[in-house]
Amino acid sequence: MVARVLIAALLLAAVHTARAEECDPNYENPPCVPIASDVDCAGGSGNGPAYVEGPVVVIGEDIYGLDRDNDGIGCERG
């Protein structure tokens, strides 16, 4: 029984780690900015293929151009 609980805990940790690795490290998480060929702000005029709901904090290079005014915050509304 203890072995099953330990295995389940390890599997959950692996899934959590895999999900964290799917987020681009150039942006603070949350929200998770996915790693994709292009990411655009949800509700904007971009064509994806991936989208993120903002605001997002840029902590590295803004590789997707989400922070148009270069203030460190991307996908700002209004």
C-alpha atoms as a PDB file:
ATOM      1  CA  MET A   1       0.000   0.000   0.000  1.00  0.00           C
ATOM      2  CA  VAL A   2       2.777   2.449   0.917  1.00  0.00           C
ATOM      3  CA  ALA A   3       4.554   1.623  -2.334  1.00  0.00           C
ATOM      4  CA  ARG A   4       1.421   2.453  -4.350  1.00  0.00           C
ATOM      5  CA  VAL A   5       1.016   5.793  -2.586  1.00  0.00           C
ATOM      6  CA  LEU A   6       4.694   6.587  -3.207  1.00  0.00           C
ATOM      7  CA  ILE A   7       4.385   5.676  -6.896  1.00  0.00           C
ATOM      8  CA  ALA A   8       1.264   7.813  -7.245  1.00  0.00           C
ATOM      9  CA  ALA A   9       3.027  10.767  -5.602  1.00  0.00           C
ATOM     10  CA  LEU A  10       6.006  10.393  -7.934  1.00  0.00           C
ATOM     11  CA  LEU A  11       3.756  10.254 -10.984  1.00  0.00           C
ATOM     12  CA  LEU A  12       1.924  13.397  -9.894  1.00  0.00           C
ATOM     13  CA  ALA A  13       5.236  15.190  -9.350  1.00  0.00           C
ATOM     14  CA  ALA A  14       6.410  14.143 -12.818  1.00  0.00           C
ATOM     15  CA  VAL A  15       3.214  15.447 -14.425  1.00  0.00           C
ATOM     16  CA  HIS A  16       3.536  18.746 -12.540  1.00  0.00           C
ATOM     17  CA  THR A  17       7.181  19.092 -13.641  1.00  0.00           C
ATOM     18  CA  ALA A  18       6.304  18.287 -17.255  1.00  0.00           C
ATOM     19  CA  ARG A  19       3.597  20.937 -17.227  1.00  0.00           C
ATOM     20  CA  ALA A  20       5.989  23.525 -15.799  1.00  0.00           C
ATOM     21  CA  GLU A  21       8.511  22.691 -18.516  1.00  0.00           C
ATOM     22  CA  GLU A  22       5.881  23.452 -21.165  1.00  0.00           C
ATOM     23  CA  CYS A  23       5.860  27.109 -20.060  1.00  0.00           C
ATOM     24  CA  ASP A  24       8.329  29.508 -21.672  1.00  0.00           C
ATOM     25  CA  PRO A  25      10.938  30.527 -19.071  1.00  0.00           C
ATOM     26  CA  ASN A  26      11.128  34.069 -20.494  1.00  0.00           C
ATOM     27  CA  TYR A  27       7.782  34.851 -18.865  1.00  0.00           C
ATOM     28  CA  GLU A  28       6.698  34.664 -15.236  1.00  0.00           C
ATOM     29  CA  ASN A  29       4.305  31.840 -14.517  1.00  0.00           C
ATOM     30  CA  PRO A  30       1.278  32.150 -14.034  1.00  0.00           C
ATOM     31  CA  PRO A  31      -0.045  32.603 -16.532  1.00  0.00           C
ATOM     32  CA  CYS A  32       1.798  29.926 -18.440  1.00  0.00           C
ATOM     33  CA  VAL A  33       3.064  31.226 -21.762  1.00  0.00           C
ATOM     34  CA  PRO A  34       3.277  28.046 -23.845  1.00  0.00           C
ATOM     35  CA  ILE A  35       6.321  27.099 -25.856  1.00  0.00           C
ATOM     36  CA  ALA A  36       5.156  27.270 -29.469  1.00  0.00           C
ATOM     37  CA  SER A  37       6.235  28.541 -32.867  1.00  0.00           C
ATOM     38  CA  ASP A  38       4.302  31.738 -32.059  1.00  0.00           C
ATOM     39  CA  VAL A  39       2.226  32.941 -29.121  1.00  0.00           C
ATOM     40  CA  ASP A  40      -0.187  35.866 -29.278  1.00  0.00           C
ATOM     41  CA  CYS A  41      -2.338  37.641 -26.731  1.00  0.00           C
ATOM     42  CA  ALA A  42      -5.802  36.113 -26.502  1.00  0.00           C
ATOM     43  CA  GLY A  43      -8.425  38.411 -27.924  1.00  0.00           C
ATOM     44  CA  GLY A  44      -5.885  40.328 -29.984  1.00  0.00           C
ATOM     45  CA  SER A  45      -5.309  40.378 -33.716  1.00  0.00           C
ATOM     46  CA  GLY A  46      -2.584  37.700 -33.746  1.00  0.00           C
ATOM     47  CA  ASN A  47      -3.055  34.402 -35.541  1.00  0.00           C
ATOM     48  CA  GLY A  48      -1.394  32.045 -33.041  1.00  0.00           C
ATOM     49  CA  PRO A  49      -1.093  29.073 -33.180  1.00  0.00           C
ATOM     50  CA  ALA A  50      -0.975  29.539 -29.388  1.00  0.00           C
ATOM     51  CA  TYR A  51      -2.534  32.215 -27.199  1.00  0.00           C
ATOM     52  CA  VAL A  52      -2.105  33.465 -23.631  1.00  0.00           C
ATOM     53  CA  GLU A  53      -4.467  35.459 -21.410  1.00  0.00           C
ATOM     54  CA  GLY A  54      -2.603  38.429 -19.978  1.00  0.00           C
ATOM     55  CA  PRO A  55      -1.198  40.250 -18.342  1.00  0.00           C
ATOM     56  CA  VAL A  56       2.135  38.423 -18.441  1.00  0.00           C
ATOM     57  CA  VAL A  57       5.386  39.570 -16.831  1.00  0.00           C
ATOM     58  CA  VAL A  58       8.452  39.410 -19.078  1.00  0.00           C
ATOM     59  CA  ILE A  59      11.452  38.170 -17.061  1.00  0.00           C
ATOM     60  CA  GLY A  60      13.730  37.335 -19.984  1.00  0.00           C
ATOM     61  CA  GLU A  61      13.674  38.004 -23.694  1.00  0.00           C
ATOM     62  CA  ASP A  62      10.223  38.822 -25.072  1.00  0.00           C
ATOM     63  CA  ILE A  63      10.579  36.305 -27.905  1.00  0.00           C
ATOM     64  CA  TYR A  64       6.901  36.438 -28.868  1.00  0.00           C
ATOM     65  CA  GLY A  65       6.575  40.245 -28.851  1.00  0.00           C
ATOM     66  CA  LEU A  66       3.849  40.247 -26.213  1.00  0.00           C
ATOM     67  CA  ASP A  67       5.149  43.449 -24.546  1.00  0.00           C
ATOM     68  CA  ARG A  68       4.642  46.019 -27.285  1.00  0.00           C
ATOM     69  CA  ASP A  69       5.401  49.077 -25.120  1.00  0.00           C
ATOM     70  CA  ASN A  70       8.504  47.496 -23.483  1.00  0.00           C
ATOM     71  CA  ASP A  71       7.322  48.138 -19.908  1.00  0.00           C
ATOM     72  CA  GLY A  72       7.875  44.532 -18.802  1.00  0.00           C
ATOM     73  CA  ILE A  73       4.177  43.610 -18.952  1.00  0.00           C
ATOM     74  CA  GLY A  74       2.720  41.873 -21.974  1.00  0.00           C
ATOM     75  CA  CYS A  75      -0.848  41.350 -23.133  1.00  0.00           C
ATOM     76  CA  GLU A  76      -2.114  44.381 -21.241  1.00  0.00           C
ATOM     77  CA  ARG A  77      -5.715  45.347 -21.833  1.00  0.00           C
ATOM     78  CA  GLY A  78      -6.946  48.874 -22.445  1.00  0.00           C
END
